[in-house]
Amino acid sequence: MVLEVKNLSVSYNNHIAIENINFSVNEGEYVCLVGENGSR
């Protein structure tokens, strides 16, 4: 395992963007986080 993330939360301006996520990345894997970005 190259990277392990546990209980990650991110917020800004009183807005919760990511709440309590867990994931791991193994050698040779690619990871992409996809979701709304707030642009209009």
N, C-alpha and C. Protein backbone atom coordinates (compact mmCIF):
# COMPACT_ATOMS: atom_id res chain seq x y z
N MET A 1 0.86 -1.18 0.00
CA MET A 1 0.00 0.00 0.00
C MET A 1 0.90 1.24 0.00
N VAL A 2 0.55 2.20 -0.86
CA VAL A 2 1.32 3.43 -0.98
C VAL A 2 0.72 4.54 -0.13
N LEU A 3 -0.61 4.58 -0.06
CA LEU A 3 -1.29 5.64 0.68
C LEU A 3 -2.53 5.07 1.35
N GLU A 4 -2.75 5.44 2.60
CA GLU A 4 -3.97 5.06 3.30
C GLU A 4 -4.53 6.30 3.99
N VAL A 5 -5.81 6.57 3.76
CA VAL A 5 -6.48 7.71 4.36
C VAL A 5 -7.62 7.19 5.22
N LYS A 6 -7.70 7.69 6.45
CA LYS A 6 -8.75 7.25 7.37
C LYS A 6 -9.45 8.47 7.96
N ASN A 7 -10.78 8.42 7.92
CA ASN A 7 -11.64 9.44 8.55
C ASN A 7 -11.34 10.85 8.06
N LEU A 8 -11.18 11.03 6.77
CA LEU A 8 -10.89 12.35 6.20
C LEU A 8 -12.16 13.16 6.10
N SER A 9 -12.12 14.39 6.60
CA SER A 9 -13.22 15.34 6.47
C SER A 9 -12.65 16.67 6.01
N VAL A 10 -13.36 17.34 5.10
CA VAL A 10 -12.94 18.65 4.60
C VAL A 10 -14.16 19.55 4.56
N SER A 11 -14.01 20.76 5.10
CA SER A 11 -15.10 21.73 5.03
C SER A 11 -14.52 23.11 4.74
N TYR A 12 -15.36 23.98 4.21
CA TYR A 12 -14.98 25.35 3.94
C TYR A 12 -16.23 26.23 3.99
N ASN A 13 -16.09 27.42 4.53
CA ASN A 13 -17.23 28.36 4.63
C ASN A 13 -18.47 27.68 5.21
N ASN A 14 -18.31 26.90 6.25
CA ASN A 14 -19.41 26.18 6.91
C ASN A 14 -20.11 25.19 5.99
N HIS A 15 -19.42 24.72 4.96
CA HIS A 15 -19.97 23.72 4.04
C HIS A 15 -19.10 22.47 4.13
N ILE A 16 -19.72 21.33 4.40
CA ILE A 16 -18.98 20.07 4.46
C ILE A 16 -18.83 19.53 3.04
N ALA A 17 -17.60 19.46 2.56
CA ALA A 17 -17.33 18.98 1.21
C ALA A 17 -17.10 17.47 1.21
N ILE A 18 -16.38 16.98 2.20
CA ILE A 18 -16.07 15.55 2.34
C ILE A 18 -16.22 15.22 3.80
N GLU A 19 -16.90 14.13 4.10
CA GLU A 19 -17.10 13.77 5.50
C GLU A 19 -16.78 12.31 5.75
N ASN A 20 -15.77 12.09 6.56
CA ASN A 20 -15.44 10.78 7.10
C ASN A 20 -15.25 9.70 6.03
N ILE A 21 -14.36 9.93 5.06
CA ILE A 21 -14.11 8.91 4.05
C ILE A 21 -12.80 8.18 4.36
N ASN A 22 -12.73 6.95 3.90
CA ASN A 22 -11.57 6.10 4.07
C ASN A 22 -11.23 5.47 2.73
N PHE A 23 -9.95 5.42 2.40
CA PHE A 23 -9.54 4.72 1.19
C PHE A 23 -8.05 4.42 1.25
N SER A 24 -7.64 3.51 0.41
CA SER A 24 -6.22 3.21 0.28
C SER A 24 -5.88 3.10 -1.19
N VAL A 25 -4.63 3.39 -1.50
CA VAL A 25 -4.15 3.34 -2.88
C VAL A 25 -2.94 2.42 -2.90
N ASN A 26 -3.00 1.45 -3.77
CA ASN A 26 -1.89 0.52 -3.92
C ASN A 26 -1.00 0.95 -5.08
N GLU A 27 0.20 0.45 -5.09
CA GLU A 27 1.14 0.77 -6.15
C GLU A 27 0.55 0.42 -7.51
N GLY A 28 0.63 1.34 -8.46
CA GLY A 28 0.11 1.12 -9.79
C GLY A 28 -1.34 1.52 -9.99
N GLU A 29 -2.04 1.87 -8.92
CA GLU A 29 -3.44 2.28 -9.02
C GLU A 29 -3.54 3.79 -9.21
N TYR A 30 -4.64 4.23 -9.84
CA TYR A 30 -4.96 5.63 -10.00
C TYR A 30 -6.26 5.90 -9.27
N VAL A 31 -6.38 7.04 -8.63
CA VAL A 31 -7.58 7.40 -7.89
C VAL A 31 -8.05 8.77 -8.33
N CYS A 32 -9.35 8.91 -8.50
CA CYS A 32 -9.94 10.19 -8.88
C CYS A 32 -11.18 10.41 -8.03
N LEU A 33 -11.27 11.56 -7.41
CA LEU A 33 -12.45 11.93 -6.63
C LEU A 33 -13.33 12.79 -7.53
N VAL A 34 -14.56 12.35 -7.76
CA VAL A 34 -15.45 13.03 -8.68
C VAL A 34 -16.71 13.48 -7.95
N GLY A 35 -17.12 14.69 -8.23
CA GLY A 35 -18.36 15.19 -7.63
C GLY A 35 -18.61 16.61 -8.09
N GLU A 36 -19.66 17.21 -7.58
CA GLU A 36 -19.98 18.59 -7.94
C GLU A 36 -18.88 19.51 -7.45
N ASN A 37 -18.58 20.53 -8.24
CA ASN A 37 -17.54 21.46 -7.84
C ASN A 37 -18.08 22.82 -7.46
N GLY A 38 -19.36 23.03 -7.60
CA GLY A 38 -19.97 24.29 -7.18
C GLY A 38 -20.00 25.36 -8.25
N SER A 39 -19.39 25.14 -9.40
CA SER A 39 -19.42 26.15 -10.45
C SER A 39 -20.78 26.13 -11.14
N ARG A 40 -21.14 27.25 -11.67
CA ARG A 40 -22.45 27.35 -12.32
C ARG A 40 -22.31 27.90 -13.71
